């Protein structure tokens, strides 16, 4: 793995970024040592956490050059801090937006975002679209007999089985209230599935077998 030099004050004209081996710490390290060049290493940090280092060396031993080092380091630390804060802010924003879209239990889209994305897809798509409605038979009985924790596992199991249907990544899945799910997809994809009216999935370790029906609603 190599490092990259983005600025070299010894090459003021026609400078282009170049690489040097990571093991050398700085470019031309052996040359610097052989010629007794003065080098000043300074840590770069953000909120007390080291993020790297910078090495200062100059072709001429001029005191004014070295007096500028603290100011330069502070500027670099500020720039690095601003960049990291911006990245963190963007990451948090993406996370919040994703949380707004998703059902926390199953990871599928929630009802609000499902309505939004379906509306957008219908407006953009020229092909016929479908919505499949799925619900778990006697889910209330499962909760009553085995408890809500088992019911939650069952809901996640069903969600995972539904997502396995989407081999071509053309379907949109959502969980509505309780045990109700919806799948939005092109009708051409539905025709390829050849799904029966009813099919089964199970949590074998809990000896629970669930049958759920599929109902097709065509959108023109």
Protein backbone atom coordinates (compact mmCIF):
# COMPACT_ATOMS: atom_id res chain seq x y z
CA UNK A 1 0.00 0.00 0.00
CA UNK A 2 1.35 3.44 -0.94
CA UNK A 3 0.90 6.97 0.36
CA UNK A 4 0.21 9.95 -1.86
CA UNK A 5 1.81 13.40 -1.81
CA UNK A 6 -0.70 16.14 -2.57
CA UNK A 7 1.65 19.12 -2.12
CA UNK A 8 5.43 19.52 -2.15
CA UNK A 9 6.90 22.96 -1.50
CA UNK A 10 10.19 21.85 -3.07
CA UNK A 11 8.38 21.50 -6.39
CA UNK A 12 6.53 24.83 -6.72
CA UNK A 13 6.07 24.62 -10.48
CA UNK A 14 4.45 21.88 -12.57
CA UNK A 15 3.77 19.82 -9.45
CA UNK A 16 1.72 16.67 -9.82
CA UNK A 17 0.61 14.29 -7.01
CA UNK A 18 2.87 11.25 -6.68
CA UNK A 19 3.07 8.13 -4.54
CA UNK A 20 5.70 6.81 -2.15
CA UNK A 21 5.91 3.58 -0.08
CA UNK A 22 4.11 3.58 3.26
CA UNK A 23 7.20 2.12 4.92
CA UNK A 24 9.20 5.30 4.23
CA UNK A 25 6.88 7.49 6.38
CA UNK A 26 7.66 10.50 4.20
CA UNK A 27 8.88 10.94 0.59
CA UNK A 28 12.63 10.69 0.08
CA UNK A 29 13.25 9.70 3.71
CA UNK A 30 16.70 8.20 3.03
CA UNK A 31 17.79 11.34 1.18
CA UNK A 32 16.64 13.51 4.09
CA UNK A 33 18.57 11.44 6.61
CA UNK A 34 21.74 11.24 4.51
CA UNK A 35 21.78 15.02 4.01
CA UNK A 36 20.91 15.90 7.61
CA UNK A 37 17.73 17.70 6.62
CA UNK A 38 15.82 19.05 9.60
CA UNK A 39 12.40 17.37 9.86
CA UNK A 40 9.61 18.29 12.23
CA UNK A 41 6.88 15.68 12.82
CA UNK A 42 3.60 16.87 14.28
CA UNK A 43 0.50 14.83 15.13
CA UNK A 44 -2.82 15.69 13.57
CA UNK A 45 -5.86 15.17 15.77
CA UNK A 46 -9.56 15.82 16.10
CA UNK A 47 -11.26 16.09 19.53
CA UNK A 48 -8.16 14.53 21.08
CA UNK A 49 -8.09 11.52 18.75
CA UNK A 50 -4.96 11.13 16.57
CA UNK A 51 -5.82 10.92 12.88
CA UNK A 52 -2.35 11.07 11.31
CA UNK A 53 0.78 13.13 11.16
CA UNK A 54 2.44 15.81 9.10
CA UNK A 55 6.16 16.23 8.49
CA UNK A 56 7.67 19.63 7.77
CA UNK A 57 11.02 20.02 6.05
CA UNK A 58 12.36 22.83 3.93
CA UNK A 59 15.13 23.07 1.38
CA UNK A 60 16.46 26.18 3.13
CA UNK A 61 16.98 26.49 6.87
CA UNK A 62 14.86 29.57 7.31
CA UNK A 63 13.47 30.33 10.76
CA UNK A 64 10.36 32.02 9.39
CA UNK A 65 9.35 28.79 7.63
CA UNK A 66 9.38 26.81 10.86
CA UNK A 67 7.55 29.54 12.76
CA UNK A 68 4.59 28.93 10.47
CA UNK A 69 4.29 25.28 11.52
CA UNK A 70 1.83 25.75 14.46
CA UNK A 71 -0.46 27.90 12.35
CA UNK A 72 -0.38 25.36 9.51
CA UNK A 73 -1.05 22.44 11.87
CA UNK A 74 -4.01 24.25 13.45
CA UNK A 75 -5.44 24.92 10.01
CA UNK A 76 -5.05 21.25 9.05
CA UNK A 77 -6.66 20.08 12.30
CA UNK A 78 -9.59 22.43 11.73
CA UNK A 79 -10.01 21.20 8.17
CA UNK A 80 -9.89 17.56 9.22
CA UNK A 81 -12.34 18.22 12.05
CA UNK A 82 -14.74 19.98 9.72
CA UNK A 83 -14.53 17.16 7.18
CA UNK A 84 -15.13 14.45 9.81
CA UNK A 85 -18.03 16.37 11.34
CA UNK A 86 -19.59 16.79 7.91
CA UNK A 87 -19.26 13.08 7.16
CA UNK A 88 -20.76 12.19 10.53
CA UNK A 89 -23.62 14.61 9.96
CA UNK A 90 -24.34 13.09 6.54
CA UNK A 91 -24.20 9.57 8.00
CA UNK A 92 -26.63 10.48 10.78
CA UNK A 93 -28.95 12.17 8.30
CA UNK A 94 -28.97 9.04 6.11
CA UNK A 95 -29.62 6.89 9.18
CA UNK A 96 -32.55 9.04 10.32
CA UNK A 97 -34.05 9.03 6.83
CA UNK A 98 -33.70 5.25 6.67
CA UNK A 99 -35.31 4.86 10.11
CA UNK A 100 -38.23 6.96 8.88
CA UNK A 101 -38.71 4.56 5.96
CA UNK A 102 -38.37 1.24 7.77
CA UNK A 103 -40.39 -0.95 10.07
CA UNK A 104 -38.14 -1.44 13.09
CA UNK A 105 -39.01 -5.11 13.61
CA UNK A 106 -38.74 -6.59 10.12
CA UNK A 107 -36.60 -4.04 8.28
CA UNK A 108 -39.21 -3.78 5.53
CA UNK A 109 -40.57 -0.42 4.45
CA UNK A 110 -43.33 1.01 6.62
CA UNK A 111 -46.77 2.02 5.40
CA UNK A 112 -46.00 5.73 5.06
CA UNK A 113 -42.97 5.24 2.84
CA UNK A 114 -44.65 2.42 0.92
CA UNK A 115 -47.44 4.79 -0.14
CA UNK A 116 -44.87 7.37 -1.19
CA UNK A 117 -42.66 5.08 -3.23
CA UNK A 118 -45.59 3.28 -4.87
CA UNK A 119 -47.02 6.62 -5.99
CA UNK A 120 -43.65 7.59 -7.49
CA UNK A 121 -43.19 4.25 -9.23
CA UNK A 122 -46.67 4.32 -10.76
CA UNK A 123 -46.09 7.81 -12.11
CA UNK A 124 -42.71 6.84 -13.58
CA UNK A 125 -43.45 3.36 -14.88
CA UNK A 126 -45.15 2.60 -18.18
CA UNK A 127 -45.75 -1.07 -17.40
CA UNK A 128 -48.61 -2.61 -15.47
CA UNK A 129 -47.94 -2.92 -11.74
CA UNK A 130 -49.36 -5.16 -9.01
CA UNK A 131 -49.73 -5.21 -5.25
CA UNK A 132 -49.74 -8.50 -3.38
CA UNK A 133 -51.43 -8.48 0.02
CA UNK A 134 -50.15 -11.00 2.55
CA UNK A 135 -51.36 -11.82 6.05
CA UNK A 136 -50.65 -14.58 8.54
CA UNK A 137 -53.56 -16.83 9.40
CA UNK A 138 -54.47 -16.95 13.09
CA UNK A 139 -51.55 -14.75 14.09
CA UNK A 140 -53.44 -13.56 17.17
CA UNK A 141 -53.62 -17.15 18.37
CA UNK A 142 -49.84 -17.51 17.98
CA UNK A 143 -49.30 -14.48 20.22
CA UNK A 144 -51.74 -15.79 22.80
CA UNK A 145 -50.28 -19.31 22.95
CA UNK A 146 -46.56 -18.64 22.56
CA UNK A 147 -46.14 -14.99 23.57
CA UNK A 148 -45.28 -11.81 21.72
CA UNK A 149 -41.55 -12.63 21.48
CA UNK A 150 -42.37 -15.72 19.42
CA UNK A 151 -44.83 -13.67 17.40
CA UNK A 152 -42.09 -11.13 16.65
CA UNK A 153 -39.75 -13.90 15.47
CA UNK A 154 -42.52 -15.18 13.24
CA UNK A 155 -43.08 -11.74 11.71
CA UNK A 156 -39.36 -11.46 10.92
CA UNK A 157 -39.33 -14.98 9.47
CA UNK A 158 -42.19 -14.14 7.13
CA UNK A 159 -40.45 -10.91 6.05
CA UNK A 160 -37.27 -12.83 5.21
CA UNK A 161 -39.21 -15.41 3.20
CA UNK A 162 -40.97 -12.69 1.27
CA UNK A 163 -37.69 -11.00 0.33
CA UNK A 164 -36.37 -14.31 -1.03
CA UNK A 165 -38.99 -14.05 -3.78
CA UNK A 166 -37.21 -11.04 -5.25
CA UNK A 167 -34.44 -12.68 -7.28
CA UNK A 168 -34.24 -9.75 -9.74
CA UNK A 169 -34.50 -6.95 -7.17
CA UNK A 170 -37.66 -5.52 -8.73
CA UNK A 171 -40.05 -5.79 -5.78
CA UNK A 172 -40.86 -3.42 -2.92
CA UNK A 173 -41.84 -4.93 0.42
CA UNK A 174 -43.67 -3.30 3.31
CA UNK A 175 -45.19 -4.29 6.61
CA UNK A 176 -48.43 -2.59 7.51
CA UNK A 177 -50.32 -3.23 10.74
CA UNK A 178 -49.42 -6.30 12.79
CA UNK A 179 -49.20 -9.30 10.42
CA UNK A 180 -50.17 -7.54 7.19
CA UNK A 181 -47.58 -7.20 4.40
CA UNK A 182 -47.66 -5.75 0.92
CA UNK A 183 -45.47 -6.40 -2.11
CA UNK A 184 -45.37 -3.95 -5.00
CA UNK A 185 -44.00 -5.30 -8.28
CA UNK A 186 -44.42 -5.28 -12.05
CA UNK A 187 -47.14 -7.66 -13.24
CA UNK A 188 -44.57 -9.33 -15.49
CA UNK A 189 -42.61 -10.30 -12.37
CA UNK A 190 -45.73 -11.66 -10.70
CA UNK A 191 -46.43 -13.84 -13.73
CA UNK A 192 -42.92 -15.31 -13.47
CA UNK A 193 -43.40 -16.28 -9.82
CA UNK A 194 -46.16 -18.83 -10.43
CA UNK A 195 -47.21 -18.56 -6.83
CA UNK A 196 -49.99 -20.74 -5.47
CA UNK A 197 -52.94 -19.12 -3.74
CA UNK A 198 -51.52 -20.26 -0.42
CA UNK A 199 -48.04 -21.32 0.61
CA UNK A 200 -46.26 -22.14 3.83
CA UNK A 201 -43.28 -21.04 5.88
CA UNK A 202 -42.23 -22.25 9.30
CA UNK A 203 -40.08 -21.64 12.34
CA UNK A 204 -39.02 -25.24 12.73
CA UNK A 205 -37.34 -24.81 16.10
CA UNK A 206 -40.63 -23.53 17.53
CA UNK A 207 -42.81 -26.04 15.71
CA UNK A 208 -44.98 -23.29 14.31
CA UNK A 209 -46.35 -23.57 10.81
CA UNK A 210 -47.89 -20.51 9.22
CA UNK A 211 -50.08 -20.37 6.14
CA UNK A 212 -50.73 -17.05 4.52
CA UNK A 213 -52.82 -16.10 1.54
CA UNK A 214 -51.87 -13.98 -1.44
CA UNK A 215 -54.28 -11.61 -3.10
CA UNK A 216 -53.52 -9.74 -6.29
CA UNK A 217 -54.66 -6.18 -7.02
CA UNK A 218 -53.77 -4.83 -10.47
CA UNK A 219 -52.80 -1.17 -10.90
CA UNK A 220 -53.22 0.39 -14.36
